[in-house]
Protein backbone atom coordinates (compact mmCIF):
# COMPACT_ATOMS: atom_id res chain seq x y z
CA UNK A 1 -34.48 81.18 101.56
CA UNK A 2 -38.16 82.69 101.06
CA UNK A 3 -40.13 79.97 101.95
CA UNK A 4 -41.61 79.33 105.62
CA UNK A 5 -39.70 76.75 107.58
CA UNK A 6 -39.67 75.14 111.19
CA UNK A 7 -37.40 77.94 112.19
CA UNK A 8 -35.17 77.45 115.40
CA UNK A 9 -35.34 79.11 118.88
CA UNK A 10 -32.53 81.22 120.26
CA UNK A 11 -32.52 83.18 123.54
CA UNK A 12 -36.38 82.75 124.15
CA UNK A 13 -37.45 84.07 120.46
CA UNK A 14 -38.53 81.74 117.79
CA UNK A 15 -37.09 82.66 114.30
CA UNK A 16 -39.08 80.84 111.26
CA UNK A 17 -38.86 82.93 108.26
CA UNK A 18 -42.54 83.51 107.54
CA UNK A 19 -42.28 87.00 107.08
CA UNK A 20 -42.35 88.07 103.40
CA UNK A 21 -39.54 90.36 102.45
CA UNK A 22 -40.51 94.14 101.82
CA UNK A 23 -44.26 93.41 102.58
CA UNK A 24 -45.12 96.81 104.37
CA UNK A 25 -48.46 97.43 102.90
CA UNK A 26 -51.29 98.68 105.14
CA UNK A 27 -54.68 98.39 103.74
CA UNK A 28 -56.59 101.45 103.33
CA UNK A 29 -57.43 104.59 100.90
CA UNK A 30 -54.46 106.41 98.81
CA UNK A 31 -55.18 109.87 97.55
CA UNK A 32 -52.79 111.56 94.84
CA UNK A 33 -52.83 115.14 93.64
CA UNK A 34 -50.59 117.12 91.38
CA UNK A 35 -49.71 120.50 92.75
CA UNK A 36 -49.42 123.59 90.89
CA UNK A 37 -45.64 123.33 90.81
CA UNK A 38 -45.57 119.83 89.03
CA UNK A 39 -44.83 117.70 92.16
CA UNK A 40 -46.60 114.34 92.55
CA UNK A 41 -47.92 114.09 95.93
CA UNK A 42 -49.71 111.14 97.87
CA UNK A 43 -51.17 110.14 101.23
CA UNK A 44 -52.38 107.20 103.18
CA UNK A 45 -55.76 107.92 104.40
CA UNK A 46 -56.36 104.61 106.56
CA UNK A 47 -60.03 103.53 106.42
CA UNK A 48 -61.51 107.01 106.01
CA UNK A 49 -62.35 107.65 102.02
CA UNK A 50 -60.10 110.11 100.72
CA UNK A 51 -61.31 113.81 101.63
CA UNK A 52 -60.14 116.76 103.72
CA UNK A 53 -59.29 114.64 106.46
CA UNK A 54 -56.52 112.90 104.39
CA UNK A 55 -53.15 114.64 104.37
CA UNK A 56 -50.76 114.59 101.63
CA UNK A 57 -47.65 113.80 103.34
CA UNK A 58 -45.25 112.15 100.30
CA UNK A 59 -43.76 114.44 97.50
CA UNK A 60 -43.15 111.77 95.18
CA UNK A 61 -41.32 114.19 93.23
CA UNK A 62 -38.81 114.93 95.56
CA UNK A 63 -38.37 111.30 97.01
CA UNK A 64 -37.65 110.07 93.72
CA UNK A 65 -35.16 112.82 92.86
CA UNK A 66 -37.81 114.51 89.93
CA UNK A 67 -38.14 110.81 88.37
CA UNK A 68 -42.00 111.46 88.92
CA UNK A 69 -43.64 114.86 87.83
CA UNK A 70 -47.16 115.52 86.73
CA UNK A 71 -49.17 117.89 84.72
CA UNK A 72 -50.92 120.70 86.99
CA UNK A 73 -54.51 120.69 86.70
CA UNK A 74 -54.85 117.03 85.36
CA UNK A 75 -54.16 113.42 86.59
CA UNK A 76 -51.15 112.73 84.42
CA UNK A 77 -48.08 112.04 85.68
CA UNK A 78 -44.76 111.44 83.95
CA UNK A 79 -41.95 109.13 84.67
CA UNK A 80 -38.15 109.89 83.73
CA UNK A 81 -36.09 106.93 85.01
CA UNK A 82 -32.78 108.49 84.21
CA UNK A 83 -33.75 112.09 84.63
CA UNK A 84 -32.51 113.00 81.01
CA UNK A 85 -35.66 114.88 79.81
CA UNK A 86 -36.96 111.95 77.89
CA UNK A 87 -40.23 110.66 79.43
CA UNK A 88 -40.27 106.72 79.65
CA UNK A 89 -43.80 106.68 81.02
CA UNK A 90 -46.92 109.15 80.66
CA UNK A 91 -50.09 107.66 82.40
CA UNK A 92 -52.80 108.74 84.56
CA UNK A 93 -53.13 108.27 88.35
CA UNK A 94 -56.23 107.98 90.33
CA UNK A 95 -57.21 110.77 92.78
CA UNK A 96 -58.48 108.45 95.41
CA UNK A 97 -58.11 104.50 95.56
CA UNK A 98 -58.17 101.48 97.95
CA UNK A 99 -55.53 99.34 98.49
CA UNK A 100 -56.35 95.84 100.05
CA UNK A 101 -53.09 94.78 99.97
CA UNK A 102 -53.99 91.55 98.16
CA UNK A 103 -51.71 90.76 95.14
CA UNK A 104 -52.87 90.41 91.85
CA UNK A 105 -51.99 87.04 90.33
CA UNK A 106 -52.29 87.33 86.43
CA UNK A 107 -50.89 84.02 85.81
């Protein structure tokens, strides 16, 4: 069940299923860069626009087992879903962007 309900109380805590599963978004700026070794890195900069204070903390290449790589010196990244050497997606990334955690409703 994913809709909110009246819920129930148990041991002094009220449980009502109002949380959206997988909703762990924190609003703020997100920076991305391609390093010289072809690894794609990202960092959450918080409320401060991307710049020197934004730390690149996530090596997306390593975290995905080399599914994501990039072309050094560019904003081009590649996605190889099954890591067979055949690229399923080639696209551009923004070096800095803001995520307000709102969902795009295209329908």
